[in-house]
Amino acid sequence: MTDSVNSRSPRAKDAGKRQRLMAAAARILHEQGVERTTIADIARAADVPAGNVYYYFKTKDELVEAALSQHTEYLKELTGRLDRLPDPRERLKGLVTAWVGARDVAARYGCPTGTLAVELDKRAEGGLDLSVGQVIRQLLEWVEQQYRQIGVPEPDGHALALVGAYQGMSLLSNALRDPEVMTREGARLLRELDSLA
């Protein structure tokens, strides 16, 4: 009988390292920002030798793209779980609750996608700013769909207001280093959702 660790195919091991690098890139870029993060920082966080990173990602921008991919996957997982709820209002409330649940991280580092969007917009080269916008657009479309199912007028405007409120409360929570900003604003958003006709 073979040892299961030794029987893992090289492809499975490669996929595991790649996935660890992607997850580490998302976390470290959120915590440190793009400009202050090195490939070595991400390799260390992923427990992958720094020289091996180039086998999976040739440049730091490719790691930024990988981080964006991780943000997209997280969003898909979250909305997938929320989609199991039968009522669109409860889905939106679940989204707000998830945001508030991450209040300590937001107070320390801001919104993972929002802070990346602001930082990438300031770079002269790349086009990654457009890629991060796609992640936010996916969230907006999902939120708009929930408002549309509730039957409110101008569901796109409601979606912009809700996602904008999240970005604002994340920013203020981070700037003030106060997670309770998220708690208070989240409670207000939940009351607003309950009051929808």
Protein backbone atom coordinates (compact mmCIF):
# COMPACT_ATOMS: atom_id res chain seq x y z
CA MET A 1 0.00 0.00 0.00
CA THR A 2 1.32 3.48 -0.88
CA ASP A 3 1.48 6.39 1.43
CA SER A 4 -1.27 8.86 0.42
CA VAL A 5 1.11 11.82 0.66
CA ASN A 6 3.57 10.17 -1.70
CA SER A 7 0.82 9.05 -4.05
CA ARG A 8 -0.36 12.60 -4.76
CA SER A 9 0.30 13.39 -8.36
CA PRO A 10 2.69 16.22 -9.26
CA ARG A 11 -0.27 18.00 -10.84
CA ALA A 12 -2.20 17.89 -7.54
CA LYS A 13 0.85 19.18 -5.65
CA ASP A 14 1.24 21.99 -8.22
CA ALA A 15 -2.44 22.90 -7.91
CA GLY A 16 -2.07 23.02 -4.11
CA LYS A 17 0.92 25.36 -4.30
CA ARG A 18 -0.77 27.55 -6.88
CA GLN A 19 -3.90 27.77 -4.73
CA ARG A 20 -1.84 28.63 -1.63
CA LEU A 21 -0.06 31.36 -3.59
CA MET A 22 -3.37 32.78 -4.82
CA ALA A 23 -4.86 32.82 -1.32
CA ALA A 24 -1.70 34.34 0.13
CA ALA A 25 -1.62 36.99 -2.60
CA ALA A 26 -5.20 38.02 -1.82
CA ARG A 27 -4.48 38.26 1.90
CA ILE A 28 -1.06 39.92 1.78
CA LEU A 29 -2.01 42.43 -0.93
CA HIS A 30 -5.03 43.39 1.18
CA GLU A 31 -2.92 43.78 4.31
CA GLN A 32 0.11 45.54 2.79
CA GLY A 33 -1.05 46.97 -0.52
CA VAL A 34 0.38 46.28 -3.96
CA GLU A 35 3.34 48.65 -3.81
CA ARG A 36 4.65 47.45 -0.44
CA THR A 37 4.18 43.74 -1.15
CA THR A 38 6.99 41.70 -2.66
CA ILE A 39 6.81 38.33 -4.34
CA ALA A 40 8.92 37.04 -1.45
CA ASP A 41 6.24 38.23 1.03
CA ILE A 42 3.59 36.22 -0.81
CA ALA A 43 5.85 33.17 -1.12
CA ARG A 44 6.57 33.27 2.63
CA ALA A 45 2.86 33.55 3.48
CA ALA A 46 2.07 30.62 1.17
CA ASP A 47 4.95 28.55 2.56
CA VAL A 48 6.40 28.19 -0.95
CA PRO A 49 10.08 28.81 -1.75
CA ALA A 50 10.38 32.25 -3.39
CA GLY A 51 12.07 30.80 -6.47
CA ASN A 52 9.13 28.46 -7.05
CA VAL A 53 6.68 31.36 -7.37
CA TYR A 54 7.93 32.12 -10.88
CA TYR A 55 6.87 28.63 -12.00
CA TYR A 56 3.24 29.69 -11.37
CA PHE A 57 3.31 33.47 -11.72
CA LYS A 58 5.87 35.30 -13.83
CA THR A 59 5.22 38.80 -12.49
CA LYS A 60 3.77 40.60 -9.52
CA ASP A 61 0.89 41.75 -11.74
CA GLU A 62 0.03 38.10 -12.37
CA LEU A 63 -0.16 37.66 -8.60
CA VAL A 64 -2.44 40.69 -8.39
CA GLU A 65 -4.65 39.07 -11.04
CA ALA A 66 -4.61 35.88 -8.97
CA ALA A 67 -5.71 37.87 -5.92
CA LEU A 68 -8.57 39.34 -7.95
CA SER A 69 -9.52 35.83 -8.97
CA GLN A 70 -9.61 34.88 -5.29
CA HIS A 71 -11.89 37.85 -4.54
CA THR A 72 -14.19 36.71 -7.37
CA GLU A 73 -14.27 33.16 -5.99
CA TYR A 74 -15.03 34.42 -2.49
CA LEU A 75 -17.88 36.53 -3.87
CA LYS A 76 -19.27 33.55 -5.82
CA GLU A 77 -19.10 31.34 -2.71
CA LEU A 78 -20.80 33.98 -0.56
CA THR A 79 -23.58 34.76 -3.03
CA GLY A 80 -23.98 31.04 -3.74
CA ARG A 81 -24.65 30.41 -0.05
CA LEU A 82 -26.99 33.39 0.12
CA ASP A 83 -28.85 32.23 -2.99
CA ARG A 84 -30.01 29.20 -1.00
CA LEU A 85 -32.16 31.54 1.10
CA PRO A 86 -35.67 31.66 -0.35
CA ASP A 87 -36.27 35.40 0.14
CA PRO A 88 -34.23 38.11 -1.66
CA ARG A 89 -34.57 40.47 1.31
CA GLU A 90 -33.03 37.80 3.55
CA ARG A 91 -30.24 37.33 0.99
CA LEU A 92 -29.41 41.04 1.16
CA LYS A 93 -29.57 40.96 4.95
CA GLY A 94 -27.22 37.97 4.88
CA LEU A 95 -24.81 39.98 2.73
CA VAL A 96 -24.84 42.89 5.19
CA THR A 97 -24.36 40.45 8.07
CA ALA A 98 -21.33 38.96 6.29
CA TRP A 99 -19.88 42.45 5.81
CA VAL A 100 -20.36 43.27 9.49
CA GLY A 101 -18.87 39.89 10.42
CA ALA A 102 -15.61 41.02 8.81
CA ARG A 103 -15.59 44.34 10.72
CA ASP A 104 -12.28 43.72 12.50
CA VAL A 105 -10.50 43.07 9.21
CA ALA A 106 -12.19 46.10 7.62
CA ALA A 107 -11.14 48.31 10.53
CA ARG A 108 -7.56 47.18 10.12
CA TYR A 109 -7.22 47.05 6.31
CA GLY A 110 -10.43 48.30 4.65
CA CYS A 111 -12.50 46.42 2.07
CA PRO A 112 -10.29 43.91 0.22
CA THR A 113 -11.66 44.77 -3.21
CA GLY A 114 -12.30 48.46 -2.64
CA THR A 115 -8.81 49.22 -1.33
CA LEU A 116 -7.28 47.27 -4.21
CA ALA A 117 -9.43 49.23 -6.68
CA VAL A 118 -8.24 52.56 -5.29
CA GLU A 119 -4.60 51.51 -5.29
CA LEU A 120 -4.66 50.02 -8.79
CA ASP A 121 -6.37 53.11 -10.18
CA LYS A 122 -3.37 55.18 -9.15
CA ARG A 123 -0.90 53.10 -11.16
CA ALA A 124 0.14 54.41 -14.55
CA GLU A 125 0.34 51.05 -16.28
CA GLY A 126 -1.45 47.78 -16.35
CA GLY A 127 -5.19 47.85 -16.77
CA LEU A 128 -5.68 45.87 -13.57
CA ASP A 129 -7.90 48.72 -12.35
CA LEU A 130 -10.47 47.59 -14.92
CA SER A 131 -10.18 44.00 -13.71
CA VAL A 132 -10.91 44.94 -10.11
CA GLY A 133 -13.90 46.92 -11.35
CA GLN A 134 -15.31 43.68 -12.76
CA VAL A 135 -15.34 42.11 -9.30
CA ILE A 136 -17.29 45.06 -7.92
CA ARG A 137 -19.61 44.96 -10.94
CA GLN A 138 -20.44 41.31 -10.19
CA LEU A 139 -21.44 42.28 -6.67
CA LEU A 140 -23.55 45.17 -7.94
CA GLU A 141 -25.33 42.91 -10.43
CA TRP A 142 -26.12 40.33 -7.76
CA VAL A 143 -27.44 42.99 -5.36
CA GLU A 144 -29.49 44.58 -8.15
CA GLN A 145 -31.04 41.19 -8.94
CA GLN A 146 -32.16 40.86 -5.31
CA TYR A 147 -33.76 44.30 -5.31
CA ARG A 148 -35.44 43.50 -8.62
CA GLN A 149 -36.93 40.32 -7.10
CA ILE A 150 -38.18 42.33 -4.12
CA GLY A 151 -39.89 44.62 -6.62
CA VAL A 152 -38.47 47.98 -5.60
CA PRO A 153 -38.35 50.77 -8.19
CA GLU A 154 -34.89 51.51 -9.58
CA PRO A 155 -33.17 48.35 -8.34
CA ASP A 156 -29.89 49.51 -9.91
CA GLY A 157 -29.95 52.67 -7.76
CA HIS A 158 -30.68 50.65 -4.63
CA ALA A 159 -27.77 48.33 -5.50
CA LEU A 160 -25.40 51.27 -5.92
CA ALA A 161 -26.56 52.74 -2.61
CA LEU A 162 -26.11 49.47 -0.69
CA VAL A 163 -22.68 48.64 -2.13
CA GLY A 164 -21.66 52.29 -1.76
CA ALA A 165 -22.75 52.21 1.88
CA TYR A 166 -20.57 49.15 2.41
CA GLN A 167 -17.58 50.82 0.78
CA GLY A 168 -18.15 53.94 2.87
CA MET A 169 -18.50 52.12 6.16
CA SER A 170 -15.40 50.03 5.38
CA LEU A 171 -13.41 53.14 4.57
CA LEU A 172 -14.55 55.00 7.68
CA SER A 173 -14.04 51.96 9.88
CA ASN A 174 -10.49 51.68 8.53
CA ALA A 175 -9.72 55.40 8.75
CA LEU A 176 -11.00 55.61 12.31
CA ARG A 177 -9.71 52.12 13.24
CA ASP A 178 -13.16 51.50 14.69
CA PRO A 179 -14.95 48.24 13.85
CA GLU A 180 -18.08 49.56 15.54
CA VAL A 181 -18.64 51.85 12.54
CA MET A 182 -19.40 48.65 10.62
CA THR A 183 -21.66 47.39 13.41
CA ARG A 184 -23.71 50.60 13.60
CA GLU A 185 -23.97 51.13 9.85
CA GLY A 186 -24.75 47.46 9.28
CA ALA A 187 -27.64 47.69 11.76
CA ARG A 188 -28.92 50.76 9.91
CA LEU A 189 -28.75 48.93 6.58
CA LEU A 190 -30.64 45.97 8.05
CA ARG A 191 -33.39 48.32 9.28
CA GLU A 192 -33.61 49.87 5.81
CA LEU A 193 -33.96 46.45 4.24
CA ASP A 194 -36.70 45.54 6.71
CA SER A 195 -38.57 48.74 5.85
CA LEU A 196 -38.69 48.10 2.10
CA ALA A 197 -42.25 47.85 0.85
